[in-house]
N, C-alpha and C. Protein backbone atom coordinates (compact mmCIF):
# COMPACT_ATOMS: atom_id res chain seq x y z
N MET A 1 14.70 -64.34 -7.39
CA MET A 1 15.49 -63.77 -8.52
C MET A 1 15.97 -62.33 -8.41
N HIS A 2 17.23 -62.01 -8.24
CA HIS A 2 17.55 -60.76 -8.17
C HIS A 2 17.52 -59.94 -9.66
N VAL A 3 16.81 -58.85 -9.70
CA VAL A 3 16.93 -58.03 -11.02
C VAL A 3 18.14 -57.02 -10.85
N SER A 4 18.76 -56.97 -11.79
CA SER A 4 19.84 -55.92 -11.71
C SER A 4 19.57 -54.69 -12.32
N THR A 5 20.11 -53.52 -11.78
CA THR A 5 19.33 -52.15 -12.11
C THR A 5 20.71 -51.32 -12.47
N VAL A 6 20.37 -50.24 -13.35
CA VAL A 6 21.27 -49.12 -13.72
C VAL A 6 20.49 -47.74 -13.21
N LYS A 7 21.39 -47.07 -12.46
CA LYS A 7 20.92 -45.53 -12.37
C LYS A 7 21.54 -44.68 -13.29
N VAL A 8 20.74 -43.97 -14.09
CA VAL A 8 21.49 -42.78 -14.88
C VAL A 8 20.95 -41.61 -14.81
N ALA A 9 21.63 -40.70 -14.85
CA ALA A 9 21.17 -38.92 -14.72
C ALA A 9 20.82 -38.82 -16.22
N LEU A 10 19.49 -38.20 -16.37
CA LEU A 10 18.81 -37.60 -17.81
C LEU A 10 19.04 -36.09 -17.78
N VAL A 11 19.63 -35.71 -18.71
CA VAL A 11 20.02 -34.19 -18.92
C VAL A 11 19.25 -33.79 -19.96
N TYR A 12 18.36 -32.61 -19.65
CA TYR A 12 17.53 -31.73 -20.78
C TYR A 12 18.41 -30.67 -21.06
N LEU A 13 18.56 -30.24 -22.34
CA LEU A 13 19.11 -29.06 -23.12
C LEU A 13 18.13 -28.40 -23.68
N GLY A 14 18.43 -27.07 -23.92
CA GLY A 14 17.55 -26.22 -24.82
C GLY A 14 16.17 -26.51 -24.76
N GLN A 15 15.40 -26.85 -25.75
CA GLN A 15 14.11 -26.90 -26.04
C GLN A 15 13.65 -28.31 -25.26
N ALA A 16 14.53 -29.10 -25.04
CA ALA A 16 14.05 -30.44 -24.55
C ALA A 16 13.85 -29.88 -22.96
N ARG A 17 14.91 -29.00 -22.57
CA ARG A 17 14.48 -28.60 -20.83
C ARG A 17 13.19 -27.94 -21.07
N GLU A 18 12.83 -27.01 -21.86
CA GLU A 18 11.78 -26.24 -21.68
C GLU A 18 10.63 -26.97 -21.81
N VAL A 19 10.42 -27.99 -22.62
CA VAL A 19 9.47 -29.00 -22.65
C VAL A 19 9.17 -29.81 -21.49
N ALA A 20 10.36 -30.17 -20.81
CA ALA A 20 10.25 -31.10 -19.86
C ALA A 20 10.22 -30.31 -18.44
N GLY A 21 10.28 -29.23 -18.64
CA GLY A 21 10.38 -28.19 -17.24
C GLY A 21 11.09 -28.45 -16.29
N THR A 22 12.41 -29.38 -16.64
CA THR A 22 13.43 -29.71 -15.65
C THR A 22 14.62 -29.77 -16.26
N LYS A 23 15.76 -29.42 -15.72
CA LYS A 23 17.13 -29.66 -16.38
C LYS A 23 17.69 -30.96 -16.10
N GLU A 24 17.21 -31.79 -15.26
CA GLU A 24 17.79 -33.26 -14.95
C GLU A 24 16.63 -34.03 -14.28
N GLU A 25 17.12 -35.37 -14.36
CA GLU A 25 16.17 -36.05 -13.65
C GLU A 25 16.76 -37.27 -13.38
N GLU A 26 16.75 -38.35 -12.56
CA GLU A 26 17.39 -39.61 -12.45
C GLU A 26 16.48 -40.64 -12.77
N LEU A 27 17.00 -41.72 -13.46
CA LEU A 27 16.17 -42.88 -13.77
C LEU A 27 16.73 -44.16 -13.54
N ILE A 28 15.84 -45.13 -13.01
CA ILE A 28 16.47 -46.39 -12.62
C ILE A 28 15.83 -47.39 -13.61
N LEU A 29 16.70 -48.09 -14.29
CA LEU A 29 16.24 -49.09 -15.42
C LEU A 29 16.55 -50.48 -15.06
N GLU A 30 16.13 -51.32 -15.53
CA GLU A 30 16.59 -52.90 -15.52
C GLU A 30 18.07 -53.06 -16.39
N SER A 31 18.64 -53.85 -16.23
CA SER A 31 19.98 -53.81 -16.86
C SER A 31 19.62 -55.33 -17.59
N PRO A 32 20.47 -55.31 -18.68
CA PRO A 32 21.16 -54.23 -19.54
C PRO A 32 19.89 -53.36 -19.97
N ALA A 33 20.57 -51.93 -19.97
CA ALA A 33 19.54 -50.80 -20.36
C ALA A 33 20.21 -50.21 -21.65
N LYS A 34 19.40 -49.80 -22.53
CA LYS A 34 19.77 -49.01 -23.77
C LYS A 34 19.33 -47.65 -23.68
N ILE A 35 19.92 -46.77 -24.16
CA ILE A 35 19.52 -45.23 -24.26
C ILE A 35 18.14 -45.16 -24.79
N GLU A 36 17.74 -46.12 -25.59
CA GLU A 36 16.48 -45.83 -26.38
C GLU A 36 15.51 -45.96 -25.32
N GLN A 37 15.48 -47.00 -24.17
CA GLN A 37 14.76 -46.90 -22.69
C GLN A 37 14.59 -45.65 -22.20
N VAL A 38 15.60 -44.79 -22.07
CA VAL A 38 15.78 -43.39 -21.40
C VAL A 38 14.83 -42.49 -22.17
N VAL A 39 14.98 -42.45 -23.60
CA VAL A 39 14.14 -41.79 -24.39
C VAL A 39 12.81 -41.86 -24.41
N SER A 40 12.45 -43.20 -24.45
CA SER A 40 10.92 -43.67 -24.33
C SER A 40 10.46 -43.04 -22.54
N ARG A 41 11.20 -43.27 -21.86
CA ARG A 41 10.77 -43.05 -20.58
C ARG A 41 10.60 -41.46 -20.47
N ALA A 42 11.53 -40.58 -21.00
CA ALA A 42 11.39 -39.27 -21.08
C ALA A 42 10.22 -38.88 -21.60
N ILE A 43 9.72 -39.57 -22.99
CA ILE A 43 8.77 -39.14 -23.76
C ILE A 43 7.28 -39.36 -22.95
N THR A 44 7.48 -40.59 -22.12
CA THR A 44 6.43 -40.98 -21.44
C THR A 44 5.88 -39.91 -20.23
N ALA A 45 6.98 -39.42 -19.90
CA ALA A 45 7.04 -38.38 -18.80
C ALA A 45 6.55 -37.04 -19.31
N HIS A 46 7.14 -36.94 -20.42
CA HIS A 46 6.96 -35.59 -21.18
C HIS A 46 6.35 -35.59 -22.37
N PRO A 47 5.11 -35.94 -22.91
CA PRO A 47 4.72 -36.28 -24.03
C PRO A 47 5.11 -35.29 -25.15
N LYS A 48 5.20 -34.06 -24.72
CA LYS A 48 5.70 -33.02 -25.93
C LYS A 48 7.01 -33.46 -26.44
N LEU A 49 7.90 -34.20 -25.62
CA LEU A 49 9.17 -34.40 -26.33
C LEU A 49 9.13 -35.26 -27.63
N SER A 50 8.12 -35.94 -27.66
CA SER A 50 7.85 -36.56 -29.09
C SER A 50 8.15 -35.80 -30.26
N GLU A 51 7.70 -34.63 -30.08
CA GLU A 51 7.79 -33.82 -31.29
C GLU A 51 9.34 -33.36 -31.53
N LEU A 52 10.23 -33.87 -30.62
CA LEU A 52 11.79 -33.43 -30.82
C LEU A 52 12.56 -35.08 -31.18
N ARG A 53 11.86 -36.18 -31.11
CA ARG A 53 12.43 -37.27 -31.25
C ARG A 53 13.36 -37.50 -32.51
N GLU A 54 12.81 -37.13 -33.36
CA GLU A 54 13.42 -37.21 -34.87
C GLU A 54 14.84 -36.44 -35.06
N THR A 55 14.56 -35.22 -34.39
CA THR A 55 15.88 -34.46 -34.71
C THR A 55 16.70 -34.23 -33.34
N ILE A 56 16.54 -35.02 -32.19
CA ILE A 56 17.22 -34.91 -30.96
C ILE A 56 18.56 -35.81 -31.10
N LYS A 57 19.73 -35.22 -30.56
CA LYS A 57 20.94 -35.77 -30.45
C LYS A 57 21.03 -36.43 -29.07
N LEU A 58 21.78 -37.53 -29.05
CA LEU A 58 22.04 -38.14 -27.75
C LEU A 58 23.42 -38.20 -27.19
N LEU A 59 23.68 -37.87 -26.00
CA LEU A 59 25.17 -38.09 -25.47
C LEU A 59 25.13 -38.93 -24.41
N ILE A 60 26.11 -39.78 -24.24
CA ILE A 60 26.39 -40.43 -23.01
C ILE A 60 27.83 -39.96 -22.41
N ASN A 61 27.75 -39.43 -21.17
CA ASN A 61 28.81 -38.79 -20.59
C ASN A 61 29.71 -37.96 -21.55
N GLY A 62 28.89 -36.96 -22.46
CA GLY A 62 29.38 -36.08 -23.22
C GLY A 62 29.93 -36.64 -24.63
N GLN A 63 29.71 -37.92 -24.81
CA GLN A 63 30.19 -38.46 -26.09
C GLN A 63 28.93 -38.70 -26.71
N TRP A 64 28.97 -38.52 -28.28
CA TRP A 64 27.63 -38.83 -29.11
C TRP A 64 27.51 -40.33 -28.86
N ALA A 65 26.16 -40.50 -29.10
CA ALA A 65 25.62 -42.06 -28.96
C ALA A 65 24.60 -42.48 -29.89
N THR A 66 24.39 -43.68 -30.05
CA THR A 66 23.31 -43.91 -31.08
C THR A 66 22.20 -44.48 -30.02
N GLN A 67 21.01 -44.90 -30.67
CA GLN A 67 19.85 -45.17 -30.09
C GLN A 67 19.86 -46.49 -29.19
N ASN A 68 20.80 -47.49 -29.80
CA ASN A 68 20.97 -48.71 -29.18
C ASN A 68 22.32 -48.80 -28.33
N ALA A 69 22.88 -47.61 -27.83
CA ALA A 69 23.87 -47.89 -27.29
C ALA A 69 23.41 -48.12 -25.62
N GLU A 70 24.46 -49.17 -25.03
CA GLU A 70 24.12 -49.69 -23.48
C GLU A 70 24.67 -48.85 -22.84
N LEU A 71 23.88 -48.56 -21.57
CA LEU A 71 24.14 -47.71 -20.40
C LEU A 71 24.84 -48.35 -19.35
N ARG A 72 25.47 -47.69 -18.44
CA ARG A 72 26.22 -48.30 -17.22
C ARG A 72 25.56 -47.47 -16.13
N ASP A 73 25.80 -48.16 -15.08
CA ASP A 73 25.37 -47.41 -13.87
C ASP A 73 26.29 -45.96 -13.75
N GLY A 74 25.55 -45.10 -13.36
CA GLY A 74 26.21 -43.68 -13.15
C GLY A 74 26.58 -42.80 -14.30
N ASP A 75 25.88 -43.49 -15.68
CA ASP A 75 25.99 -42.60 -16.82
C ASP A 75 25.11 -41.72 -16.88
N ARG A 76 25.54 -40.42 -17.55
CA ARG A 76 24.91 -39.26 -17.87
C ARG A 76 24.35 -39.21 -19.22
N VAL A 77 23.03 -39.28 -19.42
CA VAL A 77 22.47 -39.20 -20.77
C VAL A 77 22.10 -37.68 -20.96
N THR A 78 22.16 -37.21 -22.20
CA THR A 78 22.01 -35.77 -22.46
C THR A 78 21.07 -35.93 -23.62
N LEU A 79 19.92 -35.20 -23.56
CA LEU A 79 19.08 -34.82 -24.89
C LEU A 79 19.23 -33.51 -25.45
N LEU A 80 19.96 -33.40 -26.39
CA LEU A 80 20.28 -32.33 -27.18
C LEU A 80 19.57 -31.89 -28.40
N PRO A 81 18.60 -31.15 -28.14
CA PRO A 81 17.58 -30.96 -29.56
C PRO A 81 18.69 -29.91 -30.45
N PRO A 82 17.86 -29.77 -31.51
CA PRO A 82 18.71 -29.07 -32.69
C PRO A 82 18.46 -27.45 -32.01
N VAL A 83 19.78 -26.96 -32.56
CA VAL A 83 19.89 -25.38 -31.98
C VAL A 83 19.64 -24.43 -33.11
N GLY A 84 18.67 -23.49 -33.14
CA GLY A 84 18.57 -22.61 -34.08
C GLY A 84 19.56 -21.49 -34.13
N GLY A 85 19.56 -21.02 -35.18
CA GLY A 85 20.41 -19.58 -35.19
C GLY A 85 20.56 -19.16 -36.50
N GLY A 86 21.46 -17.95 -36.79
CA GLY A 86 21.70 -17.85 -38.20
C GLY A 86 22.21 -16.30 -38.29
């Protein structure tokens, strides 16, 4: 039986980049893949990201996304933590 996979790029911005120690990595997921799987894999690889989980925004190919959004091969998922300022 052939298992279909989806390859996505995971991009870290701001504090997420600092915590992950990288700006981008590639993930291969079983299809159908949801964005929540990407977030879970990122937290498993970089446990300190769990501190940002509730406030992080998600984008797919530059568009706002929800936790249950489905991914396609070649998608770019961006983790965007809150931006401080004032």
